[in-house]
């Protein structure tokens, strides 16, 4: 992931998103949540939850740290589930700020 860009994150579930009551996609660095996207900010279809981050959001990330990404969901039946934590390098940009 590169700071100042607009990446799209996509999670494929083993069941339909219609079974979800709520969901969050969280990006963290140094064990601190930096970006937290609720299900209402995501696109949900079939078995996929997708969110596109803004330049402003990715500019909050430190390029000297690994970014961790995780999906947490709660189903209508009350089950709480979490994806594994994905670790990605955070790339720097030469021209800082929103373009």
C-alpha atoms as a PDB file:
ATOM      1  CA  UNK A   1       0.000   0.000   0.000  1.00  0.00           C
ATOM      2  CA  UNK A   2       1.347   3.432  -0.850  1.00  0.00           C
ATOM      3  CA  UNK A   3       0.566   6.596   1.119  1.00  0.00           C
ATOM      4  CA  UNK A   4      -1.502   9.202  -0.732  1.00  0.00           C
ATOM      5  CA  UNK A   5      -3.149   6.674  -3.059  1.00  0.00           C
ATOM      6  CA  UNK A   6      -6.690   5.307  -3.232  1.00  0.00           C
ATOM      7  CA  UNK A   7      -6.369   1.521  -2.879  1.00  0.00           C
ATOM      8  CA  UNK A   8      -9.385  -0.774  -2.946  1.00  0.00           C
ATOM      9  CA  UNK A   9      -9.501  -3.517  -0.321  1.00  0.00           C
ATOM     10  CA  UNK A  10     -11.664  -6.571  -1.020  1.00  0.00           C
ATOM     11  CA  UNK A  11     -12.562  -9.406   1.336  1.00  0.00           C
ATOM     12  CA  UNK A  12     -14.285 -12.561   0.075  1.00  0.00           C
ATOM     13  CA  UNK A  13     -16.446 -14.271   2.708  1.00  0.00           C
ATOM     14  CA  UNK A  14     -17.375 -17.972   2.834  1.00  0.00           C
ATOM     15  CA  UNK A  15     -21.057 -16.911   3.065  1.00  0.00           C
ATOM     16  CA  UNK A  16     -23.382 -14.225   1.717  1.00  0.00           C
ATOM     17  CA  UNK A  17     -23.020 -10.666   3.020  1.00  0.00           C
ATOM     18  CA  UNK A  18     -26.797 -10.746   3.536  1.00  0.00           C
ATOM     19  CA  UNK A  19     -26.038 -12.727   6.709  1.00  0.00           C
ATOM     20  CA  UNK A  20     -24.142  -9.779   8.221  1.00  0.00           C
ATOM     21  CA  UNK A  21     -25.502  -7.412  10.820  1.00  0.00           C
ATOM     22  CA  UNK A  22     -22.367  -5.256  10.804  1.00  0.00           C
ATOM     23  CA  UNK A  23     -18.747  -5.247   9.701  1.00  0.00           C
ATOM     24  CA  UNK A  24     -15.580  -3.170  10.094  1.00  0.00           C
ATOM     25  CA  UNK A  25     -12.375  -3.020   8.104  1.00  0.00           C
ATOM     26  CA  UNK A  26      -9.559  -1.720  10.281  1.00  0.00           C
ATOM     27  CA  UNK A  27      -6.052  -0.617   9.327  1.00  0.00           C
ATOM     28  CA  UNK A  28      -3.540  -0.301  12.143  1.00  0.00           C
ATOM     29  CA  UNK A  29       0.088   0.571  12.703  1.00  0.00           C
ATOM     30  CA  UNK A  30       2.064  -0.019  15.897  1.00  0.00           C
ATOM     31  CA  UNK A  31      -1.009  -1.749  17.393  1.00  0.00           C
ATOM     32  CA  UNK A  32      -3.088   1.441  17.007  1.00  0.00           C
ATOM     33  CA  UNK A  33      -6.097   1.674  14.680  1.00  0.00           C
ATOM     34  CA  UNK A  34      -5.493   4.412  12.105  1.00  0.00           C
ATOM     35  CA  UNK A  35      -8.408   3.837   9.699  1.00  0.00           C
ATOM     36  CA  UNK A  36     -11.708   2.178  10.638  1.00  0.00           C
ATOM     37  CA  UNK A  37     -14.329   1.681   7.931  1.00  0.00           C
ATOM     38  CA  UNK A  38     -17.847   0.571   8.921  1.00  0.00           C
ATOM     39  CA  UNK A  39     -19.989  -1.655   6.714  1.00  0.00           C
ATOM     40  CA  UNK A  40     -22.043   1.411   5.745  1.00  0.00           C
ATOM     41  CA  UNK A  41     -18.904   2.821   4.062  1.00  0.00           C
ATOM     42  CA  UNK A  42     -18.269  -0.389   2.110  1.00  0.00           C
ATOM     43  CA  UNK A  43     -19.765  -1.960  -0.982  1.00  0.00           C
ATOM     44  CA  UNK A  44     -21.320  -5.346  -0.243  1.00  0.00           C
ATOM     45  CA  UNK A  45     -22.369  -7.840  -2.902  1.00  0.00           C
ATOM     46  CA  UNK A  46     -22.706 -11.600  -2.953  1.00  0.00           C
ATOM     47  CA  UNK A  47     -19.823 -12.783  -0.755  1.00  0.00           C
ATOM     48  CA  UNK A  48     -17.599  -9.699  -1.053  1.00  0.00           C
ATOM     49  CA  UNK A  49     -17.006  -6.612   1.072  1.00  0.00           C
ATOM     50  CA  UNK A  50     -15.059  -3.879  -0.734  1.00  0.00           C
ATOM     51  CA  UNK A  51     -13.870  -0.447   0.368  1.00  0.00           C
ATOM     52  CA  UNK A  52     -11.780   2.193  -1.384  1.00  0.00           C
ATOM     53  CA  UNK A  53      -9.624   4.366   0.824  1.00  0.00           C
ATOM     54  CA  UNK A  54      -9.155   8.076   0.170  1.00  0.00           C
ATOM     55  CA  UNK A  55      -5.875   9.914  -0.282  1.00  0.00           C
ATOM     56  CA  UNK A  56      -6.507  11.659   3.046  1.00  0.00           C
ATOM     57  CA  UNK A  57      -6.886   8.310   4.793  1.00  0.00           C
ATOM     58  CA  UNK A  58      -3.739   6.709   3.363  1.00  0.00           C
ATOM     59  CA  UNK A  59      -1.755   9.876   4.112  1.00  0.00           C
ATOM     60  CA  UNK A  60      -2.385   9.105   7.808  1.00  0.00           C
ATOM     61  CA  UNK A  61      -0.208   5.991   7.445  1.00  0.00           C
ATOM     62  CA  UNK A  62       3.477   6.048   8.360  1.00  0.00           C
ATOM     63  CA  UNK A  63       5.709   4.728   5.571  1.00  0.00           C
ATOM     64  CA  UNK A  64       8.237   3.519   8.159  1.00  0.00           C
ATOM     65  CA  UNK A  65       5.721   1.005   9.555  1.00  0.00           C
ATOM     66  CA  UNK A  66       3.957  -2.120   8.410  1.00  0.00           C
ATOM     67  CA  UNK A  67       0.213  -1.649   7.989  1.00  0.00           C
ATOM     68  CA  UNK A  68      -2.051  -4.370   9.385  1.00  0.00           C
ATOM     69  CA  UNK A  69      -5.505  -4.927   7.876  1.00  0.00           C
ATOM     70  CA  UNK A  70      -8.359  -6.948   9.375  1.00  0.00           C
ATOM     71  CA  UNK A  71     -12.065  -7.512   8.728  1.00  0.00           C
ATOM     72  CA  UNK A  72     -14.364  -8.136  11.691  1.00  0.00           C
ATOM     73  CA  UNK A  73     -18.030  -9.027  11.260  1.00  0.00           C
ATOM     74  CA  UNK A  74     -21.085  -9.875  13.300  1.00  0.00           C
ATOM     75  CA  UNK A  75     -23.739 -12.059  11.704  1.00  0.00           C
ATOM     76  CA  UNK A  76     -27.475 -11.658  12.106  1.00  0.00           C
ATOM     77  CA  UNK A  77     -27.418 -14.834  14.202  1.00  0.00           C
ATOM     78  CA  UNK A  78     -24.950 -13.182  16.598  1.00  0.00           C
ATOM     79  CA  UNK A  79     -21.669 -14.862  15.630  1.00  0.00           C
ATOM     80  CA  UNK A  80     -18.618 -12.586  15.772  1.00  0.00           C
ATOM     81  CA  UNK A  81     -15.865 -13.439  13.286  1.00  0.00           C
ATOM     82  CA  UNK A  82     -12.514 -11.955  12.259  1.00  0.00           C
ATOM     83  CA  UNK A  83     -10.195 -12.446   9.316  1.00  0.00           C
ATOM     84  CA  UNK A  84      -6.543 -13.098   9.826  1.00  0.00           C
ATOM     85  CA  UNK A  85      -4.446  -9.950  10.111  1.00  0.00           C
ATOM     86  CA  UNK A  86      -2.881  -9.085   6.755  1.00  0.00           C
ATOM     87  CA  UNK A  87       0.462  -7.276   6.932  1.00  0.00           C
ATOM     88  CA  UNK A  88       1.511  -5.026   4.062  1.00  0.00           C
ATOM     89  CA  UNK A  89       4.460  -2.722   3.548  1.00  0.00           C
ATOM     90  CA  UNK A  90       3.563   0.958   3.457  1.00  0.00           C
ATOM     91  CA  UNK A  91       5.245   2.738   0.571  1.00  0.00           C
ATOM     92  CA  UNK A  92       6.355   6.341   0.611  1.00  0.00           C
ATOM     93  CA  UNK A  93       5.592   9.067  -1.903  1.00  0.00           C
ATOM     94  CA  UNK A  94       7.916  11.798  -3.118  1.00  0.00           C
ATOM     95  CA  UNK A  95       5.323  14.583  -3.276  1.00  0.00           C
ATOM     96  CA  UNK A  96       3.371  14.634  -0.024  1.00  0.00           C
ATOM     97  CA  UNK A  97      -0.249  15.706   0.295  1.00  0.00           C
ATOM     98  CA  UNK A  98      -3.431  15.266  -1.682  1.00  0.00           C
ATOM     99  CA  UNK A  99      -3.174  15.739  -5.447  1.00  0.00           C
END
